[in-house]
Amino acid sequence: MGILDRLFGGRFTQPPPDEPPLSDAAIMRELHPYRAELKAFTQSLLTRLPEKEQELLVRRVMRFYGQGEEPSSALTEGLLDPDKGQSIEHLILLAIDWKGFDGFEHLAPYLTNACGIQEPYPYELREGMTVVQVLAEFDEWLTRFGKRYLHLNTGGDEYVGFIVDIDRVDIMIAMASDAGIQARLEAF
């Protein structure tokens, strides 16, 4: 390069970069902007679980998020996997298909038991009811126990949600929003 510098007057040197070099941590923060918020939301969601299972599921959700999944997809894939996700005895996140009446009937007792409600939900399917109506009635029944059913928007055709104490509804909606996940009391 020394000969070319002398021949052409040093015109072949590179200009300084326009942007300062970023550290690996700064690059990861740009790629995964919801990392801390998703972790906090997942931990808050799983507070009723035993500590070891909670840590395992939080790591699993964060691993999915680190692989490039959207926050809602990472949460559902991390928790709803039938083999490595949440156990049925400690069911926190419920996902049912748009025609999942049987699934709801089977899983609702586990969901209510995991949140501390000992009374079984008196589920009865009536002709012409939709899953949204079933979930609305379930939410209304939960209010007797000081709880509500929050829906999460996963972008899919299934209904995903969890039970939360009435006094924590606004907190959980805000935490979900901070984590890049839409949550509300009405179905999506």
C-alpha atoms as a PDB file:
ATOM      1  CA  MET A   1       0.000   0.000   0.000  1.00  0.00           C
ATOM      2  CA  GLY A   2       2.949   2.291   0.517  1.00  0.00           C
ATOM      3  CA  ILE A   3       3.641   2.577  -3.245  1.00  0.00           C
ATOM      4  CA  LEU A   4       0.013   3.444  -4.038  1.00  0.00           C
ATOM      5  CA  ASP A   5       0.048   6.050  -1.272  1.00  0.00           C
ATOM      6  CA  ARG A   6       3.095   7.686  -2.797  1.00  0.00           C
ATOM      7  CA  LEU A   7       1.733   7.486  -6.343  1.00  0.00           C
ATOM      8  CA  PHE A   8      -1.748   8.779  -5.606  1.00  0.00           C
ATOM      9  CA  GLY A   9      -1.164  10.960  -2.574  1.00  0.00           C
ATOM     10  CA  GLY A  10      -2.901   8.803   0.047  1.00  0.00           C
ATOM     11  CA  ARG A  11      -6.361   8.942  -1.484  1.00  0.00           C
ATOM     12  CA  PHE A  12      -7.003   5.258  -0.757  1.00  0.00           C
ATOM     13  CA  THR A  13      -7.264   5.481   2.994  1.00  0.00           C
ATOM     14  CA  GLN A  14     -10.727   4.743   4.376  1.00  0.00           C
ATOM     15  CA  PRO A  15     -12.684   7.580   5.924  1.00  0.00           C
ATOM     16  CA  PRO A  16     -13.665   7.188   9.565  1.00  0.00           C
ATOM     17  CA  PRO A  17     -16.988   5.385  10.050  1.00  0.00           C
ATOM     18  CA  ASP A  18     -20.125   7.513  10.252  1.00  0.00           C
ATOM     19  CA  GLU A  19     -21.343   5.697  13.365  1.00  0.00           C
ATOM     20  CA  PRO A  20     -19.266   4.825  16.376  1.00  0.00           C
ATOM     21  CA  PRO A  21     -18.672   1.091  16.816  1.00  0.00           C
ATOM     22  CA  LEU A  22     -21.327  -0.629  18.925  1.00  0.00           C
ATOM     23  CA  SER A  23     -20.653  -3.186  21.581  1.00  0.00           C
ATOM     24  CA  ASP A  24     -22.225  -6.640  21.394  1.00  0.00           C
ATOM     25  CA  ALA A  25     -24.525  -5.717  24.273  1.00  0.00           C
ATOM     26  CA  ALA A  26     -25.757  -2.615  22.424  1.00  0.00           C
ATOM     27  CA  ILE A  27     -26.428  -4.672  19.291  1.00  0.00           C
ATOM     28  CA  MET A  28     -28.400  -7.243  21.321  1.00  0.00           C
ATOM     29  CA  ARG A  29     -30.433  -4.448  22.932  1.00  0.00           C
ATOM     30  CA  GLU A  30     -31.353  -3.177  19.469  1.00  0.00           C
ATOM     31  CA  LEU A  31     -32.258  -6.645  18.195  1.00  0.00           C
ATOM     32  CA  HIS A  32     -34.292  -7.590  21.291  1.00  0.00           C
ATOM     33  CA  PRO A  33     -35.734  -4.361  22.723  1.00  0.00           C
ATOM     34  CA  TYR A  34     -38.289  -6.106  24.979  1.00  0.00           C
ATOM     35  CA  ARG A  35     -35.893  -8.549  26.684  1.00  0.00           C
ATOM     36  CA  ALA A  36     -36.042  -7.157  30.242  1.00  0.00           C
ATOM     37  CA  GLU A  37     -39.756  -6.341  30.047  1.00  0.00           C
ATOM     38  CA  LEU A  38     -40.664  -9.797  28.696  1.00  0.00           C
ATOM     39  CA  LYS A  39     -38.655 -11.444  31.442  1.00  0.00           C
ATOM     40  CA  ALA A  40     -40.371  -9.322  34.115  1.00  0.00           C
ATOM     41  CA  PHE A  41     -43.825 -10.045  32.649  1.00  0.00           C
ATOM     42  CA  THR A  42     -43.136 -13.782  32.461  1.00  0.00           C
ATOM     43  CA  GLN A  43     -41.853 -13.853  36.038  1.00  0.00           C
ATOM     44  CA  SER A  44     -44.916 -11.945  37.235  1.00  0.00           C
ATOM     45  CA  LEU A  45     -47.184 -14.315  35.326  1.00  0.00           C
ATOM     46  CA  LEU A  46     -45.531 -17.385  36.855  1.00  0.00           C
ATOM     47  CA  THR A  47     -45.334 -16.227  40.492  1.00  0.00           C
ATOM     48  CA  ARG A  48     -47.640 -19.017  41.687  1.00  0.00           C
ATOM     49  CA  LEU A  49     -45.316 -21.749  40.389  1.00  0.00           C
ATOM     50  CA  PRO A  50     -42.580 -23.451  42.388  1.00  0.00           C
ATOM     51  CA  GLU A  51     -39.329 -21.495  42.047  1.00  0.00           C
ATOM     52  CA  LYS A  52     -37.436 -24.155  40.090  1.00  0.00           C
ATOM     53  CA  GLU A  53     -40.206 -24.596  37.530  1.00  0.00           C
ATOM     54  CA  GLN A  54     -40.621 -20.818  37.266  1.00  0.00           C
ATOM     55  CA  GLU A  55     -36.921 -20.302  36.505  1.00  0.00           C
ATOM     56  CA  LEU A  56     -36.972 -23.096  33.930  1.00  0.00           C
ATOM     57  CA  LEU A  57     -39.973 -21.653  32.094  1.00  0.00           C
ATOM     58  CA  VAL A  58     -38.618 -18.092  32.180  1.00  0.00           C
ATOM     59  CA  ARG A  59     -35.345 -19.320  30.646  1.00  0.00           C
ATOM     60  CA  ARG A  60     -37.301 -21.233  28.024  1.00  0.00           C
ATOM     61  CA  VAL A  61     -39.358 -18.152  27.046  1.00  0.00           C
ATOM     62  CA  MET A  62     -36.223 -16.010  26.906  1.00  0.00           C
ATOM     63  CA  ARG A  63     -34.452 -18.601  24.747  1.00  0.00           C
ATOM     64  CA  PHE A  64     -37.302 -18.479  22.220  1.00  0.00           C
ATOM     65  CA  TYR A  65     -37.183 -14.676  22.280  1.00  0.00           C
ATOM     66  CA  GLY A  66     -33.416 -14.745  21.784  1.00  0.00           C
ATOM     67  CA  GLN A  67     -33.912 -16.881  18.673  1.00  0.00           C
ATOM     68  CA  GLY A  68     -35.867 -14.074  17.025  1.00  0.00           C
ATOM     69  CA  GLU A  69     -39.465 -14.837  17.998  1.00  0.00           C
ATOM     70  CA  GLU A  70     -41.920 -12.044  18.713  1.00  0.00           C
ATOM     71  CA  PRO A  71     -42.618 -11.585  22.448  1.00  0.00           C
ATOM     72  CA  SER A  72     -46.114 -13.110  22.273  1.00  0.00           C
ATOM     73  CA  SER A  73     -44.862 -16.082  20.250  1.00  0.00           C
ATOM     74  CA  ALA A  74     -41.937 -16.634  22.601  1.00  0.00           C
ATOM     75  CA  LEU A  75     -44.299 -16.610  25.584  1.00  0.00           C
ATOM     76  CA  THR A  76     -46.793 -19.038  24.075  1.00  0.00           C
ATOM     77  CA  GLU A  77     -44.179 -21.379  22.605  1.00  0.00           C
ATOM     78  CA  GLY A  78     -42.201 -21.383  25.817  1.00  0.00           C
ATOM     79  CA  LEU A  79     -45.148 -22.067  28.109  1.00  0.00           C
ATOM     80  CA  LEU A  80     -47.583 -24.075  25.994  1.00  0.00           C
ATOM     81  CA  ASP A  81     -45.273 -26.799  24.690  1.00  0.00           C
ATOM     82  CA  PRO A  82     -46.904 -30.079  25.774  1.00  0.00           C
ATOM     83  CA  ASP A  83     -43.565 -31.755  26.562  1.00  0.00           C
ATOM     84  CA  LYS A  84     -41.355 -29.015  27.996  1.00  0.00           C
ATOM     85  CA  GLY A  85     -43.783 -26.225  28.824  1.00  0.00           C
ATOM     86  CA  GLN A  86     -45.926 -25.673  31.889  1.00  0.00           C
ATOM     87  CA  SER A  87     -47.247 -28.739  33.660  1.00  0.00           C
ATOM     88  CA  ILE A  88     -50.975 -29.315  33.761  1.00  0.00           C
ATOM     89  CA  GLU A  89     -50.943 -29.291  37.574  1.00  0.00           C
ATOM     90  CA  HIS A  90     -49.580 -25.740  37.507  1.00  0.00           C
ATOM     91  CA  LEU A  91     -51.494 -24.438  34.504  1.00  0.00           C
ATOM     92  CA  ILE A  92     -51.067 -20.663  34.246  1.00  0.00           C
ATOM     93  CA  LEU A  93     -51.540 -19.854  30.555  1.00  0.00           C
ATOM     94  CA  LEU A  94     -54.578 -21.300  28.786  1.00  0.00           C
ATOM     95  CA  ALA A  95     -54.785 -21.633  25.012  1.00  0.00           C
ATOM     96  CA  ILE A  96     -57.869 -23.001  23.318  1.00  0.00           C
ATOM     97  CA  ASP A  97     -58.855 -23.248  19.691  1.00  0.00           C
ATOM     98  CA  TRP A  98     -61.811 -21.299  18.318  1.00  0.00           C
ATOM     99  CA  LYS A  99     -63.817 -24.545  18.580  1.00  0.00           C
ATOM    100  CA  GLY A 100     -62.059 -25.720  21.740  1.00  0.00           C
ATOM    101  CA  PHE A 101     -65.046 -26.336  23.982  1.00  0.00           C
ATOM    102  CA  ASP A 102     -63.768 -29.760  25.055  1.00  0.00           C
ATOM    103  CA  GLY A 103     -60.309 -28.360  25.719  1.00  0.00           C
ATOM    104  CA  PHE A 104     -61.760 -25.627  27.887  1.00  0.00           C
ATOM    105  CA  GLU A 105     -63.915 -28.094  29.814  1.00  0.00           C
ATOM    106  CA  HIS A 106     -60.842 -30.243  30.486  1.00  0.00           C
ATOM    107  CA  LEU A 107     -58.377 -27.435  31.334  1.00  0.00           C
ATOM    108  CA  ALA A 108     -60.557 -24.946  33.256  1.00  0.00           C
ATOM    109  CA  PRO A 109     -60.433 -26.926  36.541  1.00  0.00           C
ATOM    110  CA  TYR A 110     -56.620 -27.056  36.385  1.00  0.00           C
ATOM    111  CA  LEU A 111     -56.430 -23.337  35.622  1.00  0.00           C
ATOM    112  CA  THR A 112     -58.712 -22.350  38.496  1.00  0.00           C
ATOM    113  CA  ASN A 113     -57.011 -24.737  40.915  1.00  0.00           C
ATOM    114  CA  ALA A 114     -53.568 -23.344  40.018  1.00  0.00           C
ATOM    115  CA  CYS A 115     -54.724 -19.822  40.921  1.00  0.00           C
ATOM    116  CA  GLY A 116     -56.136 -20.892  44.277  1.00  0.00           C
ATOM    117  CA  ILE A 117     -59.840 -21.332  43.533  1.00  0.00           C
ATOM    118  CA  GLN A 118     -61.005 -24.618  45.024  1.00  0.00           C
ATOM    119  CA  GLU A 119     -64.606 -24.414  43.801  1.00  0.00           C
ATOM    120  CA  PRO A 120     -65.015 -26.115  40.399  1.00  0.00           C
ATOM    121  CA  TYR A 121     -66.267 -24.000  37.522  1.00  0.00           C
ATOM    122  CA  PRO A 122     -69.835 -25.064  36.602  1.00  0.00           C
ATOM    123  CA  TYR A 123     -69.249 -25.297  32.852  1.00  0.00           C
ATOM    124  CA  GLU A 124     -72.158 -26.126  30.605  1.00  0.00           C
ATOM    125  CA  LEU A 125     -72.173 -25.753  26.849  1.00  0.00           C
ATOM    126  CA  ARG A 126     -75.361 -24.337  25.415  1.00  0.00           C
ATOM    127  CA  GLU A 127     -76.397 -24.532  21.788  1.00  0.00           C
ATOM    128  CA  GLY A 128     -75.028 -21.687  19.665  1.00  0.00           C
ATOM    129  CA  MET A 129     -72.427 -20.440  22.174  1.00  0.00           C
ATOM    130  CA  THR A 130     -69.053 -19.328  20.906  1.00  0.00           C
ATOM    131  CA  VAL A 131     -65.746 -19.741  22.702  1.00  0.00           C
ATOM    132  CA  VAL A 132     -65.695 -15.979  23.277  1.00  0.00           C
ATOM    133  CA  GLN A 133     -69.021 -16.201  25.112  1.00  0.00           C
ATOM    134  CA  VAL A 134     -67.772 -19.156  27.178  1.00  0.00           C
ATOM    135  CA  LEU A 135     -64.670 -17.180  28.174  1.00  0.00           C
ATOM    136  CA  ALA A 136     -66.792 -14.116  29.019  1.00  0.00           C
ATOM    137  CA  GLU A 137     -68.975 -16.227  31.327  1.00  0.00           C
ATOM    138  CA  PHE A 138     -65.834 -17.731  32.861  1.00  0.00           C
ATOM    139  CA  ASP A 139     -64.478 -14.221  33.509  1.00  0.00           C
ATOM    140  CA  GLU A 140     -67.774 -13.208  35.106  1.00  0.00           C
ATOM    141  CA  TRP A 141     -67.650 -16.290  37.372  1.00  0.00           C
ATOM    142  CA  LEU A 142     -64.059 -15.437  38.380  1.00  0.00           C
ATOM    143  CA  THR A 143     -65.103 -12.001  39.673  1.00  0.00           C
ATOM    144  CA  ARG A 144     -66.827 -13.731  42.603  1.00  0.00           C
ATOM    145  CA  PHE A 145     -63.363 -14.788  43.763  1.00  0.00           C
ATOM    146  CA  GLY A 146     -61.651 -11.433  43.150  1.00  0.00           C
ATOM    147  CA  LYS A 147     -60.025 -12.542  39.892  1.00  0.00           C
ATOM    148  CA  ARG A 148     -60.317 -11.792  36.176  1.00  0.00           C
ATOM    149  CA  TYR A 149     -59.382 -13.583  32.966  1.00  0.00           C
ATOM    150  CA  LEU A 150     -56.988 -11.573  30.777  1.00  0.00           C
ATOM    151  CA  HIS A 151     -56.710 -12.311  27.059  1.00  0.00           C
ATOM    152  CA  LEU A 152     -53.402 -12.112  25.188  1.00  0.00           C
ATOM    153  CA  ASN A 153     -53.134 -11.327  21.489  1.00  0.00           C
ATOM    154  CA  THR A 154     -50.823 -13.900  19.925  1.00  0.00           C
ATOM    155  CA  GLY A 155     -51.719 -13.134  16.329  1.00  0.00           C
ATOM    156  CA  GLY A 156     -53.118 -16.641  15.881  1.00  0.00           C
ATOM    157  CA  ASP A 157     -56.617 -18.068  15.784  1.00  0.00           C
ATOM    158  CA  GLU A 158     -56.528 -19.478  19.294  1.00  0.00           C
ATOM    159  CA  TYR A 159     -57.676 -17.787  22.478  1.00  0.00           C
ATOM    160  CA  VAL A 160     -54.824 -17.399  24.967  1.00  0.00           C
ATOM    161  CA  GLY A 161     -55.226 -15.985  28.444  1.00  0.00           C
ATOM    162  CA  PHE A 162     -54.567 -16.281  32.149  1.00  0.00           C
ATOM    163  CA  ILE A 163     -56.200 -15.579  35.501  1.00  0.00           C
ATOM    164  CA  VAL A 164     -55.085 -12.548  37.485  1.00  0.00           C
ATOM    165  CA  ASP A 165     -56.198 -10.893  40.722  1.00  0.00           C
ATOM    166  CA  ILE A 166     -58.574  -7.953  40.169  1.00  0.00           C
ATOM    167  CA  ASP A 167     -56.198  -5.483  41.812  1.00  0.00           C
ATOM    168  CA  ARG A 168     -53.384  -6.530  39.424  1.00  0.00           C
ATOM    169  CA  VAL A 169     -55.312  -6.300  36.134  1.00  0.00           C
ATOM    170  CA  ASP A 170     -54.010  -2.844  35.174  1.00  0.00           C
ATOM    171  CA  ILE A 171     -50.480  -3.754  36.276  1.00  0.00           C
ATOM    172  CA  MET A 172     -50.434  -6.927  34.167  1.00  0.00           C
ATOM    173  CA  ILE A 173     -51.880  -5.127  31.131  1.00  0.00           C
ATOM    174  CA  ALA A 174     -49.183  -2.439  31.458  1.00  0.00           C
ATOM    175  CA  MET A 175     -46.441  -5.042  31.926  1.00  0.00           C
ATOM    176  CA  ALA A 176     -47.662  -6.948  28.864  1.00  0.00           C
ATOM    177  CA  SER A 177     -47.728  -3.736  26.842  1.00  0.00           C
ATOM    178  CA  ASP A 178     -44.185  -2.903  27.953  1.00  0.00           C
ATOM    179  CA  ALA A 179     -43.150  -6.388  26.807  1.00  0.00           C
ATOM    180  CA  GLY A 180     -44.671  -5.863  23.357  1.00  0.00           C
ATOM    181  CA  ILE A 181     -47.743  -8.041  23.997  1.00  0.00           C
ATOM    182  CA  GLN A 182     -51.341  -6.855  23.750  1.00  0.00           C
ATOM    183  CA  ALA A 183     -53.517  -7.848  26.726  1.00  0.00           C
ATOM    184  CA  ARG A 184     -57.051  -6.884  27.651  1.00  0.00           C
ATOM    185  CA  LEU A 185     -60.190  -8.173  29.352  1.00  0.00           C
ATOM    186  CA  GLU A 186     -62.100  -8.703  26.079  1.00  0.00           C
ATOM    187  CA  ALA A 187     -61.150 -11.409  23.590  1.00  0.00           C
ATOM    188  CA  PHE A 188     -59.132 -10.451  20.508  1.00  0.00           C
END
